Amino acid sequence: MLETVIADGGRNGLSALARQVGMPIATAHRQVTTLVAEGYLKPSGGGRHVAGSRLLGLLHRLDEKQVIANIASPVLHRLAGQVRSVVQLGTFENDMVTYRIKTGRGASDLFTRVGLQLEAYCSGMGKVLLAHLPEVEREAYLSGGPFVALTDRTIVDPNHLRQELAVVAEQGFAIDDEEIASGLRCMTVPLHNSEGGVVAAISVSQALSSRVRWNDTELLKSLKEAAFSIENDALS
C-alpha cells in the first residue's frame, strides 16, 4: 500500500487505490491510518495521501552508492576467491574515486583502502566512472588537466584522456595498464542503477609478476557476470 500511494503521487483517493491493487477498502484504510500515524504518509485532502516527513527523512539519509556496495559485497568476495586477486568497488565524488570495498588475495599489500579517495584519471575505476559522467561534468573535469604522471604510462594529456574515455564508454570496460602503479594491471566494469545510470564500478587488480594472472577475456567475462548479479540483486 505504501508503494502504491507513493507511486500515485496523491492523484487518487484511497478507495481507488485499494481497487487498483485488489485490496479490501477496509484493509487499505487500516494500513494507511497506521502509516499516517507513524509519519510515513500524510493526508493531502480528498482522501488522498503523499509521502510523510518520516519517509522523506529516511530517503534523505539513503546513500544509493552505499546500498549498491552493501549488495555487492558478497558477490565481490566470491569473485575475489575465484580470480585469486584483489577486487574493489569504487564510486565518484568530488572528482575523486572513493574506494568502498576491497577484498581478495593480496588486498593488504595494495596501497588502496576502504574510504580512501584517489585521483580518477589514472585508474581503470576512475576511467569507467569518468566515461559515464554527463558530458558537461566530464568536460569540466578534463579542463583541469594536464594531469600529474604517476608512471610513464599515465595518461596526462586531456585530449588523449578524452579519447580514452570515449573508447571506455563504447566498449563497456576500462584497463589500467600500469598507469597508477608500475607492475599493476587492473580491469574495471560499471555498475548500473534501475535508470541505467552508472553509480559505481568494480575492478580486479593483478600484479604483472603474479603466477595466477587471468587473461583479459576470462577476466572480463567474470567481471560482467558479477556486475550482472549485483545489478539484478539491487533491482529485485
C-alpha atoms as a PDB file:
ATOM      1  CA  MET A   1       0.000   0.000   0.000  1.00  0.00           C
ATOM      2  CA  LEU A   2       2.856   2.366   0.798  1.00  0.00           C
ATOM      3  CA  GLU A   3       4.393   1.754  -2.626  1.00  0.00           C
ATOM      4  CA  THR A   4       1.026   2.275  -4.309  1.00  0.00           C
ATOM      5  CA  VAL A   5       0.368   5.573  -2.556  1.00  0.00           C
ATOM      6  CA  ILE A   6       3.842   6.921  -3.334  1.00  0.00           C
ATOM      7  CA  ALA A   7       3.653   5.838  -6.988  1.00  0.00           C
ATOM      8  CA  ASP A   8       0.239   7.512  -7.286  1.00  0.00           C
ATOM      9  CA  GLY A   9       1.665  10.844  -6.140  1.00  0.00           C
ATOM     10  CA  GLY A  10      -1.527  11.980  -4.421  1.00  0.00           C
ATOM     11  CA  ARG A  11      -3.695  11.910  -7.539  1.00  0.00           C
ATOM     12  CA  ASN A  12      -6.305   9.362  -6.419  1.00  0.00           C
ATOM     13  CA  GLY A  13      -8.225   8.677  -3.267  1.00  0.00           C
ATOM     14  CA  LEU A  14      -7.659   5.655  -1.082  1.00  0.00           C
ATOM     15  CA  SER A  15     -10.723   3.738  -2.321  1.00  0.00           C
ATOM     16  CA  ALA A  16      -9.480   3.939  -5.912  1.00  0.00           C
ATOM     17  CA  LEU A  17      -6.010   2.779  -4.893  1.00  0.00           C
ATOM     18  CA  ALA A  18      -7.455  -0.144  -2.938  1.00  0.00           C
ATOM     19  CA  ARG A  19      -9.375  -1.267  -6.007  1.00  0.00           C
ATOM     20  CA  GLN A  20      -6.251  -0.825  -8.114  1.00  0.00           C
ATOM     21  CA  VAL A  21      -4.282  -3.327  -6.035  1.00  0.00           C
ATOM     22  CA  GLY A  22      -7.193  -5.644  -5.298  1.00  0.00           C
ATOM     23  CA  MET A  23      -7.251  -4.893  -1.563  1.00  0.00           C
ATOM     24  CA  PRO A  24     -10.407  -4.613   0.569  1.00  0.00           C
ATOM     25  CA  ILE A  25     -11.121  -0.934   1.225  1.00  0.00           C
ATOM     26  CA  ALA A  26     -11.324  -1.523   4.977  1.00  0.00           C
ATOM     27  CA  THR A  27      -7.860  -3.117   4.946  1.00  0.00           C
ATOM     28  CA  ALA A  28      -6.445  -0.248   2.900  1.00  0.00           C
ATOM     29  CA  HIS A  29      -7.884   2.307   5.327  1.00  0.00           C
ATOM     30  CA  ARG A  30      -6.438   0.445   8.290  1.00  0.00           C
ATOM     31  CA  GLN A  31      -2.972   0.231   6.720  1.00  0.00           C
ATOM     32  CA  VAL A  32      -2.918   3.870   5.640  1.00  0.00           C
ATOM     33  CA  THR A  33      -4.148   5.005   9.079  1.00  0.00           C
ATOM     34  CA  THR A  34      -1.147   3.205  10.600  1.00  0.00           C
ATOM     35  CA  LEU A  35       1.258   4.709   8.035  1.00  0.00           C
ATOM     36  CA  VAL A  36      -0.086   8.205   8.740  1.00  0.00           C
ATOM     37  CA  ALA A  37       0.210   7.687  12.495  1.00  0.00           C
ATOM     38  CA  GLU A  38       3.856   6.615  12.063  1.00  0.00           C
ATOM     39  CA  GLY A  39       4.676   9.584   9.805  1.00  0.00           C
ATOM     40  CA  TYR A  40       5.313   7.619   6.613  1.00  0.00           C
ATOM     41  CA  LEU A  41       2.299   9.189   4.869  1.00  0.00           C
ATOM     42  CA  LYS A  42       0.318  12.371   5.348  1.00  0.00           C
ATOM     43  CA  PRO A  43      -3.201  13.331   4.147  1.00  0.00           C
ATOM     44  CA  SER A  44      -3.355  15.790   1.253  1.00  0.00           C
ATOM     45  CA  GLY A  45      -7.154  16.255   1.168  1.00  0.00           C
ATOM     46  CA  GLY A  46      -9.995  14.484  -0.583  1.00  0.00           C
ATOM     47  CA  GLY A  47      -8.968  11.066   0.730  1.00  0.00           C
ATOM     48  CA  ARG A  48      -5.566  11.357  -0.945  1.00  0.00           C
ATOM     49  CA  HIS A  49      -2.138  10.893   0.650  1.00  0.00           C
ATOM     50  CA  VAL A  50       1.501  11.746  -0.077  1.00  0.00           C
ATOM     51  CA  ALA A  51       4.873  10.939   1.493  1.00  0.00           C
ATOM     52  CA  GLY A  52       5.161  11.946   5.139  1.00  0.00           C
ATOM     53  CA  SER A  53       8.045  13.540   6.994  1.00  0.00           C
ATOM     54  CA  ARG A  54       9.412  10.280   8.382  1.00  0.00           C
ATOM     55  CA  LEU A  55       9.600   8.654   4.961  1.00  0.00           C
ATOM     56  CA  LEU A  56      11.232  11.739   3.448  1.00  0.00           C
ATOM     57  CA  GLY A  57      13.753  11.765   6.276  1.00  0.00           C
ATOM     58  CA  LEU A  58      14.705   8.172   5.506  1.00  0.00           C
ATOM     59  CA  LEU A  59      15.109   8.975   1.818  1.00  0.00           C
ATOM     60  CA  HIS A  60      17.396  11.903   2.572  1.00  0.00           C
ATOM     61  CA  ARG A  61      19.624   9.610   4.630  1.00  0.00           C
ATOM     62  CA  LEU A  62      19.726   6.915   1.976  1.00  0.00           C
ATOM     63  CA  ASP A  63      23.053   6.662   0.153  1.00  0.00           C
ATOM     64  CA  GLU A  64      22.368   4.840  -3.123  1.00  0.00           C
ATOM     65  CA  LYS A  65      26.062   4.192  -3.633  1.00  0.00           C
ATOM     66  CA  GLN A  66      26.489   2.586  -0.225  1.00  0.00           C
ATOM     67  CA  VAL A  67      23.368   0.482  -0.793  1.00  0.00           C
ATOM     68  CA  ILE A  68      24.964  -0.818  -4.007  1.00  0.00           C
ATOM     69  CA  ALA A  69      28.183  -1.526  -2.102  1.00  0.00           C
ATOM     70  CA  ASN A  70      26.297  -3.484   0.554  1.00  0.00           C
ATOM     71  CA  ILE A  71      24.568  -5.581  -2.106  1.00  0.00           C
ATOM     72  CA  ALA A  72      27.842  -6.073  -3.994  1.00  0.00           C
ATOM     73  CA  SER A  73      29.907  -7.208  -1.024  1.00  0.00           C
ATOM     74  CA  PRO A  74      29.146 -10.973  -1.040  1.00  0.00           C
ATOM     75  CA  VAL A  75      29.351 -11.106  -4.844  1.00  0.00           C
ATOM     76  CA  LEU A  76      32.775  -9.456  -4.845  1.00  0.00           C
ATOM     77  CA  HIS A  77      34.080 -11.714  -2.078  1.00  0.00           C
ATOM     78  CA  ARG A  78      33.174 -14.696  -4.260  1.00  0.00           C
ATOM     79  CA  LEU A  79      34.751 -13.086  -7.320  1.00  0.00           C
ATOM     80  CA  ALA A  80      37.965 -12.412  -5.404  1.00  0.00           C
ATOM     81  CA  GLY A  81      38.152 -16.072  -4.405  1.00  0.00           C
ATOM     82  CA  GLN A  82      37.550 -17.122  -7.995  1.00  0.00           C
ATOM     83  CA  VAL A  83      40.199 -14.921  -9.611  1.00  0.00           C
ATOM     84  CA  ARG A  84      42.596 -15.055  -6.620  1.00  0.00           C
ATOM     85  CA  SER A  85      43.242 -11.330  -6.935  1.00  0.00           C
ATOM     86  CA  VAL A  86      42.240  -8.033  -5.351  1.00  0.00           C
ATOM     87  CA  VAL A  87      38.673  -6.963  -6.148  1.00  0.00           C
ATOM     88  CA  GLN A  88      37.423  -3.447  -5.403  1.00  0.00           C
ATOM     89  CA  LEU A  89      34.330  -1.273  -5.732  1.00  0.00           C
ATOM     90  CA  GLY A  90      34.513   2.478  -6.111  1.00  0.00           C
ATOM     91  CA  THR A  91      32.233   5.472  -6.617  1.00  0.00           C
ATOM     92  CA  PHE A  92      32.774   9.019  -7.863  1.00  0.00           C
ATOM     93  CA  GLU A  93      32.597  12.015  -5.521  1.00  0.00           C
ATOM     94  CA  ASN A  94      34.158  15.470  -5.817  1.00  0.00           C
ATOM     95  CA  ASP A  95      36.232  14.473  -8.879  1.00  0.00           C
ATOM     96  CA  MET A  96      37.777  11.574  -6.952  1.00  0.00           C
ATOM     97  CA  VAL A  97      37.248   7.812  -6.734  1.00  0.00           C
ATOM     98  CA  THR A  98      36.079   6.681  -3.297  1.00  0.00           C
ATOM     99  CA  TYR A  99      37.004   3.070  -2.537  1.00  0.00           C
ATOM    100  CA  ARG A 100      34.122   1.337  -0.726  1.00  0.00           C
ATOM    101  CA  ILE A 101      35.053  -2.365  -0.958  1.00  0.00           C
ATOM    102  CA  LYS A 102      38.440  -4.030  -1.082  1.00  0.00           C
ATOM    103  CA  THR A 103      38.811  -7.783  -0.805  1.00  0.00           C
ATOM    104  CA  GLY A 104      40.832 -10.738  -2.028  1.00  0.00           C
ATOM    105  CA  ARG A 105      44.284 -12.194  -2.155  1.00  0.00           C
ATOM    106  CA  GLY A 106      46.964  -9.538  -1.681  1.00  0.00           C
ATOM    107  CA  ALA A 107      44.488  -6.887  -0.523  1.00  0.00           C
ATOM    108  CA  SER A 108      46.674  -5.851   2.395  1.00  0.00           C
ATOM    109  CA  ASP A 109      49.621  -5.268   0.059  1.00  0.00           C
ATOM    110  CA  LEU A 110      47.786  -2.907  -2.310  1.00  0.00           C
ATOM    111  CA  PHE A 111      48.060   0.807  -1.468  1.00  0.00           C
ATOM    112  CA  THR A 112      44.294   1.476  -1.646  1.00  0.00           C
ATOM    113  CA  ARG A 113      41.987   1.156   1.370  1.00  0.00           C
ATOM    114  CA  VAL A 114      38.278   1.438   2.079  1.00  0.00           C
ATOM    115  CA  GLY A 115      37.343   5.090   2.488  1.00  0.00           C
ATOM    116  CA  LEU A 116      40.393   6.338   0.586  1.00  0.00           C
ATOM    117  CA  GLN A 117      39.901   8.810  -2.257  1.00  0.00           C
ATOM    118  CA  LEU A 118      42.254   8.777  -5.247  1.00  0.00           C
ATOM    119  CA  GLU A 119      42.506  10.717  -8.498  1.00  0.00           C
ATOM    120  CA  ALA A 120      40.221   9.353 -11.229  1.00  0.00           C
ATOM    121  CA  TYR A 121      42.226   9.947 -14.415  1.00  0.00           C
ATOM    122  CA  CYS A 122      44.925   7.362 -13.694  1.00  0.00           C
ATOM    123  CA  SER A 123      42.934   4.228 -12.794  1.00  0.00           C
ATOM    124  CA  GLY A 124      40.597   1.830 -14.541  1.00  0.00           C
ATOM    125  CA  MET A 125      37.991   2.530 -11.884  1.00  0.00           C
ATOM    126  CA  GLY A 126      38.252   6.261 -12.462  1.00  0.00           C
ATOM    127  CA  LYS A 127      38.144   5.940 -16.240  1.00  0.00           C
ATOM    128  CA  VAL A 128      34.892   3.968 -16.123  1.00  0.00           C
ATOM    129  CA  LEU A 129      33.290   6.497 -13.788  1.00  0.00           C
ATOM    130  CA  LEU A 130      34.520   9.485 -15.804  1.00  0.00           C
ATOM    131  CA  ALA A 131      33.407   7.917 -19.077  1.00  0.00           C
ATOM    132  CA  HIS A 132      29.812   7.744 -17.852  1.00  0.00           C
ATOM    133  CA  LEU A 133      29.541  11.251 -16.440  1.00  0.00           C
ATOM    134  CA  PRO A 134      27.237  13.723 -18.204  1.00  0.00           C
ATOM    135  CA  GLU A 135      29.258  15.444 -20.931  1.00  0.00           C
ATOM    136  CA  VAL A 136      29.244  18.826 -19.196  1.00  0.00           C
ATOM    137  CA  GLU A 137      30.651  17.335 -15.990  1.00  0.00           C
ATOM    138  CA  ARG A 138      33.229  15.264 -17.874  1.00  0.00           C
ATOM    139  CA  GLU A 139      34.447  18.284 -19.832  1.00  0.00           C
ATOM    140  CA  ALA A 140      34.671  20.311 -16.636  1.00  0.00           C
ATOM    141  CA  TYR A 141      36.882  17.581 -15.185  1.00  0.00           C
ATOM    142  CA  LEU A 142      39.102  17.435 -18.273  1.00  0.00           C
ATOM    143  CA  SER A 143      39.545  21.197 -18.192  1.00  0.00           C
ATOM    144  CA  GLY A 144      41.577  20.702 -15.021  1.00  0.00           C
ATOM    145  CA  GLY A 145      44.396  18.984 -16.935  1.00  0.00           C
ATOM    146  CA  PRO A 146      47.160  18.372 -17.779  1.00  0.00           C
ATOM    147  CA  PHE A 147      47.452  15.789 -15.042  1.00  0.00           C
ATOM    148  CA  VAL A 148      50.352  14.503 -12.960  1.00  0.00           C
ATOM    149  CA  ALA A 149      52.155  11.415 -14.292  1.00  0.00           C
ATOM    150  CA  LEU A 150      52.367   8.647 -11.692  1.00  0.00           C
ATOM    151  CA  THR A 151      54.202   6.295 -14.059  1.00  0.00           C
ATOM    152  CA  ASP A 152      55.498   6.619 -17.603  1.00  0.00           C
ATOM    153  CA  ARG A 153      52.199   5.092 -18.776  1.00  0.00           C
ATOM    154  CA  THR A 154      49.842   7.565 -17.065  1.00  0.00           C
ATOM    155  CA  ILE A 155      47.609   9.482 -19.480  1.00  0.00           C
ATOM    156  CA  VAL A 156      48.188  13.142 -18.641  1.00  0.00           C
ATOM    157  CA  ASP A 157      47.026  14.971 -21.774  1.00  0.00           C
ATOM    158  CA  PRO A 158      43.309  15.950 -21.599  1.00  0.00           C
ATOM    159  CA  ASN A 159      42.722  15.250 -25.296  1.00  0.00           C
ATOM    160  CA  HIS A 160      44.274  11.802 -25.036  1.00  0.00           C
ATOM    161  CA  LEU A 161      42.224  11.115 -21.909  1.00  0.00           C
ATOM    162  CA  ARG A 162      39.048  12.298 -23.671  1.00  0.00           C
ATOM    163  CA  GLN A 163      39.714   9.791 -26.463  1.00  0.00           C
ATOM    164  CA  GLU A 164      40.396   7.044 -23.938  1.00  0.00           C
ATOM    165  CA  LEU A 165      37.119   7.744 -22.118  1.00  0.00           C
ATOM    166  CA  ALA A 166      35.202   7.561 -25.404  1.00  0.00           C
ATOM    167  CA  VAL A 167      36.686   4.104 -26.016  1.00  0.00           C
ATOM    168  CA  VAL A 168      35.797   3.021 -22.460  1.00  0.00           C
ATOM    169  CA  ALA A 169      32.193   4.160 -22.878  1.00  0.00           C
ATOM    170  CA  GLU A 170      31.930   2.337 -26.200  1.00  0.00           C
ATOM    171  CA  GLN A 171      33.477  -0.982 -25.148  1.00  0.00           C
ATOM    172  CA  GLY A 172      31.968  -1.104 -21.643  1.00  0.00           C
ATOM    173  CA  PHE A 173      35.165  -1.626 -19.649  1.00  0.00           C
ATOM    174  CA  ALA A 174      38.473   0.041 -18.840  1.00  0.00           C
ATOM    175  CA  ILE A 175      42.047  -1.113 -18.445  1.00  0.00           C
ATOM    176  CA  ASP A 176      44.654   0.481 -16.213  1.00  0.00           C
ATOM    177  CA  ASP A 177      47.893  -0.836 -17.685  1.00  0.00           C
ATOM    178  CA  GLU A 178      50.491   0.266 -15.116  1.00  0.00           C
ATOM    179  CA  GLU A 179      49.055   3.802 -15.189  1.00  0.00           C
ATOM    180  CA  ILE A 180      48.618   4.237 -11.444  1.00  0.00           C
ATOM    181  CA  ALA A 181      51.476   1.993 -10.310  1.00  0.00           C
ATOM    182  CA  SER A 182      54.226   0.123 -12.109  1.00  0.00           C
ATOM    183  CA  GLY A 183      53.718  -3.625 -12.204  1.00  0.00           C
ATOM    184  CA  LEU A 184      49.952  -3.378 -11.607  1.00  0.00           C
ATOM    185  CA  ARG A 185      47.227  -4.017 -14.191  1.00  0.00           C
ATOM    186  CA  CYS A 186      43.508  -3.560 -13.495  1.00  0.00           C
ATOM    187  CA  MET A 187      40.287  -4.228 -15.389  1.00  0.00           C
ATOM    188  CA  THR A 188      37.073  -2.404 -14.475  1.00  0.00           C
ATOM    189  CA  VAL A 189      33.391  -2.574 -15.466  1.00  0.00           C
ATOM    190  CA  PRO A 190      30.485  -0.290 -14.487  1.00  0.00           C
ATOM    191  CA  LEU A 191      27.509  -0.953 -12.200  1.00  0.00           C
ATOM    192  CA  HIS A 192      24.168   0.496 -13.296  1.00  0.00           C
ATOM    193  CA  ASN A 193      21.116   1.521 -11.295  1.00  0.00           C
ATOM    194  CA  SER A 194      17.489   0.941 -12.302  1.00  0.00           C
ATOM    195  CA  GLU A 195      17.522   4.054 -14.533  1.00  0.00           C
ATOM    196  CA  GLY A 196      20.580   2.842 -16.427  1.00  0.00           C
ATOM    197  CA  GLY A 197      22.959   5.342 -14.857  1.00  0.00           C
ATOM    198  CA  VAL A 198      26.398   4.259 -13.672  1.00  0.00           C
ATOM    199  CA  VAL A 199      26.606   4.547  -9.876  1.00  0.00           C
ATOM    200  CA  ALA A 200      29.760   2.533  -9.184  1.00  0.00           C
ATOM    201  CA  ALA A 201      32.478   0.433 -10.772  1.00  0.00           C
ATOM    202  CA  ILE A 202      34.118  -2.867  -9.853  1.00  0.00           C
ATOM    203  CA  SER A 203      37.669  -3.887 -10.681  1.00  0.00           C
ATOM    204  CA  VAL A 204      40.153  -6.734 -10.491  1.00  0.00           C
ATOM    205  CA  SER A 205      43.776  -5.761  -9.863  1.00  0.00           C
ATOM    206  CA  GLN A 206      46.564  -8.157 -10.778  1.00  0.00           C
ATOM    207  CA  ALA A 207      50.303  -7.860 -10.293  1.00  0.00           C
ATOM    208  CA  LEU A 208      52.127  -8.492 -13.544  1.00  0.00           C
ATOM    209  CA  SER A 209      54.508 -10.704 -11.606  1.00  0.00           C
ATOM    210  CA  SER A 210      51.692 -12.971 -10.378  1.00  0.00           C
ATOM    211  CA  ARG A 211      51.733 -16.594 -11.476  1.00  0.00           C
ATOM    212  CA  VAL A 212      47.921 -16.820 -11.304  1.00  0.00           C
ATOM    213  CA  ARG A 213      47.038 -13.943 -13.642  1.00  0.00           C
ATOM    214  CA  TRP A 214      43.876 -14.345 -15.716  1.00  0.00           C
ATOM    215  CA  ASN A 215      43.765 -13.289 -19.338  1.00  0.00           C
ATOM    216  CA  ASP A 216      41.572 -10.344 -20.322  1.00  0.00           C
ATOM    217  CA  THR A 217      38.841 -12.438 -21.955  1.00  0.00           C
ATOM    218  CA  GLU A 218      38.291 -14.615 -18.893  1.00  0.00           C
ATOM    219  CA  LEU A 219      38.573 -11.678 -16.524  1.00  0.00           C
ATOM    220  CA  LEU A 220      36.078  -9.548 -18.427  1.00  0.00           C
ATOM    221  CA  LYS A 221      33.581 -12.421 -18.502  1.00  0.00           C
ATOM    222  CA  SER A 222      33.834 -12.907 -14.730  1.00  0.00           C
ATOM    223  CA  LEU A 223      33.578  -9.171 -14.033  1.00  0.00           C
ATOM    224  CA  LYS A 224      30.498  -8.810 -16.229  1.00  0.00           C
ATOM    225  CA  GLU A 225      28.845 -11.802 -14.563  1.00  0.00           C
ATOM    226  CA  ALA A 226      29.497 -10.261 -11.152  1.00  0.00           C
ATOM    227  CA  ALA A 227      28.131  -6.889 -12.300  1.00  0.00           C
ATOM    228  CA  PHE A 228      25.010  -8.562 -13.703  1.00  0.00           C
ATOM    229  CA  SER A 229      24.436 -10.372 -10.417  1.00  0.00           C
ATOM    230  CA  ILE A 230      24.834  -7.189  -8.372  1.00  0.00           C
ATOM    231  CA  GLU A 231      22.533  -5.181 -10.628  1.00  0.00           C
ATOM    232  CA  ASN A 232      19.884  -7.902 -10.508  1.00  0.00           C
ATOM    233  CA  ASP A 233      20.058  -8.069  -6.714  1.00  0.00           C
ATOM    234  CA  ALA A 234      19.784  -4.280  -6.493  1.00  0.00           C
ATOM    235  CA  LEU A 235      16.652  -4.257  -8.652  1.00  0.00           C
ATOM    236  CA  SER A 236      14.932  -7.233  -7.021  1.00  0.00           C
END
